[in-house]
């Protein structure tokens, strides 16, 4: 299961991502997102939605994704509810947080 990490460990993970970030940015010919921001209230609202669903949700899986070219083509993440080891595809996922501003801003 997940665990908290220190700010230094987070910085190391971000630094380790640099090569991928560079390649992704080359691929789309502009600086891609390094992060996606969801407000605390958005996350609370989403958890409330999951807790009130008439189905068993026991976790949230975070996926990497990319918007269509017409929507800027930037990387994103979305949160998907889980039931056991499987995604619960009967419920909505959470997306459309705010991309990194500026997109190249690191941890």
C-alpha atoms as a PDB file:
ATOM      1  CA  UNK A   1       0.000   0.000   0.000  1.00  0.00           C
ATOM      2  CA  UNK A   2       0.991   3.597  -0.369  1.00  0.00           C
ATOM      3  CA  UNK A   3       3.119   5.475   2.084  1.00  0.00           C
ATOM      4  CA  UNK A   4       4.097   9.056   2.657  1.00  0.00           C
ATOM      5  CA  UNK A   5       7.441  10.154   1.257  1.00  0.00           C
ATOM      6  CA  UNK A   6       9.647  13.069   2.199  1.00  0.00           C
ATOM      7  CA  UNK A   7       9.927  16.207   0.074  1.00  0.00           C
ATOM      8  CA  UNK A   8      13.461  15.067  -0.838  1.00  0.00           C
ATOM      9  CA  UNK A   9      12.137  11.701  -2.065  1.00  0.00           C
ATOM     10  CA  UNK A  10       9.480  13.547  -4.085  1.00  0.00           C
ATOM     11  CA  UNK A  11      12.172  15.739  -5.616  1.00  0.00           C
ATOM     12  CA  UNK A  12      14.173  12.626  -6.586  1.00  0.00           C
ATOM     13  CA  UNK A  13      11.118  11.092  -8.271  1.00  0.00           C
ATOM     14  CA  UNK A  14      10.591  14.333 -10.187  1.00  0.00           C
ATOM     15  CA  UNK A  15      14.247  14.428 -11.235  1.00  0.00           C
ATOM     16  CA  UNK A  16      14.026  10.808 -12.382  1.00  0.00           C
ATOM     17  CA  UNK A  17      11.137  11.804 -14.652  1.00  0.00           C
ATOM     18  CA  UNK A  18      13.240  14.424 -16.515  1.00  0.00           C
ATOM     19  CA  UNK A  19      14.274  12.186 -19.445  1.00  0.00           C
ATOM     20  CA  UNK A  20      10.679  11.106 -20.065  1.00  0.00           C
ATOM     21  CA  UNK A  21       9.446  14.666 -19.751  1.00  0.00           C
ATOM     22  CA  UNK A  22      11.959  15.825 -22.354  1.00  0.00           C
ATOM     23  CA  UNK A  23      10.900  13.090 -24.800  1.00  0.00           C
ATOM     24  CA  UNK A  24       7.191  13.782 -24.264  1.00  0.00           C
ATOM     25  CA  UNK A  25       7.729  17.500 -24.842  1.00  0.00           C
ATOM     26  CA  UNK A  26       9.648  16.777 -28.071  1.00  0.00           C
ATOM     27  CA  UNK A  27       6.853  14.478 -29.236  1.00  0.00           C
ATOM     28  CA  UNK A  28       4.146  17.137 -28.853  1.00  0.00           C
ATOM     29  CA  UNK A  29       6.498  19.995 -29.838  1.00  0.00           C
ATOM     30  CA  UNK A  30       5.854  22.068 -26.701  1.00  0.00           C
ATOM     31  CA  UNK A  31       6.424  21.850 -22.965  1.00  0.00           C
ATOM     32  CA  UNK A  32       4.156  19.152 -21.580  1.00  0.00           C
ATOM     33  CA  UNK A  33       2.583  19.146 -18.124  1.00  0.00           C
ATOM     34  CA  UNK A  34       4.746  17.966 -15.234  1.00  0.00           C
ATOM     35  CA  UNK A  35       1.876  17.985 -12.787  1.00  0.00           C
ATOM     36  CA  UNK A  36      -1.878  18.213 -12.441  1.00  0.00           C
ATOM     37  CA  UNK A  37      -3.527  20.075  -9.566  1.00  0.00           C
ATOM     38  CA  UNK A  38      -6.837  19.066  -7.983  1.00  0.00           C
ATOM     39  CA  UNK A  39      -8.057  21.289  -5.183  1.00  0.00           C
ATOM     40  CA  UNK A  40      -8.582  19.680  -1.814  1.00  0.00           C
ATOM     41  CA  UNK A  41     -12.310  20.392  -2.188  1.00  0.00           C
ATOM     42  CA  UNK A  42     -12.440  18.648  -5.586  1.00  0.00           C
ATOM     43  CA  UNK A  43     -10.837  15.553  -4.077  1.00  0.00           C
ATOM     44  CA  UNK A  44     -13.165  15.644  -1.061  1.00  0.00           C
ATOM     45  CA  UNK A  45     -16.174  15.963  -3.380  1.00  0.00           C
ATOM     46  CA  UNK A  46     -14.963  13.021  -5.465  1.00  0.00           C
ATOM     47  CA  UNK A  47     -14.397  10.847  -2.392  1.00  0.00           C
ATOM     48  CA  UNK A  48     -17.871  11.831  -1.165  1.00  0.00           C
ATOM     49  CA  UNK A  49     -19.304  10.782  -4.565  1.00  0.00           C
ATOM     50  CA  UNK A  50     -17.533   7.408  -4.294  1.00  0.00           C
ATOM     51  CA  UNK A  51     -18.562   6.842  -0.677  1.00  0.00           C
ATOM     52  CA  UNK A  52     -22.214   7.518  -1.552  1.00  0.00           C
ATOM     53  CA  UNK A  53     -22.214   5.260  -4.622  1.00  0.00           C
ATOM     54  CA  UNK A  54     -24.380   2.198  -4.294  1.00  0.00           C
ATOM     55  CA  UNK A  55     -21.406  -0.055  -5.021  1.00  0.00           C
ATOM     56  CA  UNK A  56     -18.320  -1.133  -3.131  1.00  0.00           C
ATOM     57  CA  UNK A  57     -15.408   1.217  -3.828  1.00  0.00           C
ATOM     58  CA  UNK A  58     -12.271   0.400  -1.880  1.00  0.00           C
ATOM     59  CA  UNK A  59      -9.580   2.420  -3.609  1.00  0.00           C
ATOM     60  CA  UNK A  60      -8.608   4.977  -6.224  1.00  0.00           C
ATOM     61  CA  UNK A  61      -6.155   4.199  -9.025  1.00  0.00           C
ATOM     62  CA  UNK A  62      -4.331   7.122 -10.655  1.00  0.00           C
ATOM     63  CA  UNK A  63      -3.740   6.819 -14.386  1.00  0.00           C
ATOM     64  CA  UNK A  64      -1.552   8.859 -16.687  1.00  0.00           C
ATOM     65  CA  UNK A  65      -3.337  10.063 -19.808  1.00  0.00           C
ATOM     66  CA  UNK A  66      -3.147  12.622 -22.599  1.00  0.00           C
ATOM     67  CA  UNK A  67      -5.760  14.987 -23.938  1.00  0.00           C
ATOM     68  CA  UNK A  68      -6.662  14.928 -27.627  1.00  0.00           C
ATOM     69  CA  UNK A  69      -4.702  17.271 -29.883  1.00  0.00           C
ATOM     70  CA  UNK A  70      -7.773  19.534 -30.189  1.00  0.00           C
ATOM     71  CA  UNK A  71      -7.637  19.967 -26.394  1.00  0.00           C
ATOM     72  CA  UNK A  72      -3.934  20.826 -26.365  1.00  0.00           C
ATOM     73  CA  UNK A  73      -2.524  17.286 -26.313  1.00  0.00           C
ATOM     74  CA  UNK A  74      -0.937  17.743 -22.884  1.00  0.00           C
ATOM     75  CA  UNK A  75      -0.388  14.970 -20.373  1.00  0.00           C
ATOM     76  CA  UNK A  76      -2.917  14.586 -17.582  1.00  0.00           C
ATOM     77  CA  UNK A  77      -3.882  12.195 -14.822  1.00  0.00           C
ATOM     78  CA  UNK A  78      -7.264  10.842 -13.878  1.00  0.00           C
ATOM     79  CA  UNK A  79      -8.517   9.063 -10.800  1.00  0.00           C
ATOM     80  CA  UNK A  80     -10.461   5.824 -11.258  1.00  0.00           C
ATOM     81  CA  UNK A  81     -12.452   4.061  -8.535  1.00  0.00           C
ATOM     82  CA  UNK A  82     -11.498   0.463  -7.770  1.00  0.00           C
ATOM     83  CA  UNK A  83     -13.282  -2.521  -6.366  1.00  0.00           C
ATOM     84  CA  UNK A  84     -10.722  -5.089  -5.274  1.00  0.00           C
ATOM     85  CA  UNK A  85      -7.989  -5.292  -7.903  1.00  0.00           C
ATOM     86  CA  UNK A  86     -10.294  -4.154 -10.722  1.00  0.00           C
ATOM     87  CA  UNK A  87     -11.503  -0.756 -11.838  1.00  0.00           C
ATOM     88  CA  UNK A  88     -15.146  -0.035 -11.081  1.00  0.00           C
ATOM     89  CA  UNK A  89     -16.262   1.112 -14.521  1.00  0.00           C
ATOM     90  CA  UNK A  90     -19.802   1.825 -13.361  1.00  0.00           C
ATOM     91  CA  UNK A  91     -18.688   5.093 -11.749  1.00  0.00           C
ATOM     92  CA  UNK A  92     -17.183   8.280 -13.134  1.00  0.00           C
ATOM     93  CA  UNK A  93     -13.481   9.046 -12.982  1.00  0.00           C
ATOM     94  CA  UNK A  94     -12.047  12.422 -11.896  1.00  0.00           C
ATOM     95  CA  UNK A  95     -10.114  14.491 -14.466  1.00  0.00           C
ATOM     96  CA  UNK A  96      -9.710  18.076 -15.582  1.00  0.00           C
ATOM     97  CA  UNK A  97      -7.513  19.290 -12.804  1.00  0.00           C
ATOM     98  CA  UNK A  98      -5.312  22.250 -13.606  1.00  0.00           C
ATOM     99  CA  UNK A  99      -2.096  21.504 -15.501  1.00  0.00           C
ATOM    100  CA  UNK A 100       1.193  22.704 -14.114  1.00  0.00           C
ATOM    101  CA  UNK A 101       1.603  26.475 -14.352  1.00  0.00           C
ATOM    102  CA  UNK A 102       4.060  26.909 -15.803  1.00  0.00           C
ATOM    103  CA  UNK A 103       4.029  23.406 -17.277  1.00  0.00           C
ATOM    104  CA  UNK A 104       7.787  22.992 -16.782  1.00  0.00           C
ATOM    105  CA  UNK A 105       7.664  23.872 -13.090  1.00  0.00           C
ATOM    106  CA  UNK A 106       9.276  21.051 -11.096  1.00  0.00           C
ATOM    107  CA  UNK A 107       8.573  19.884  -7.549  1.00  0.00           C
END
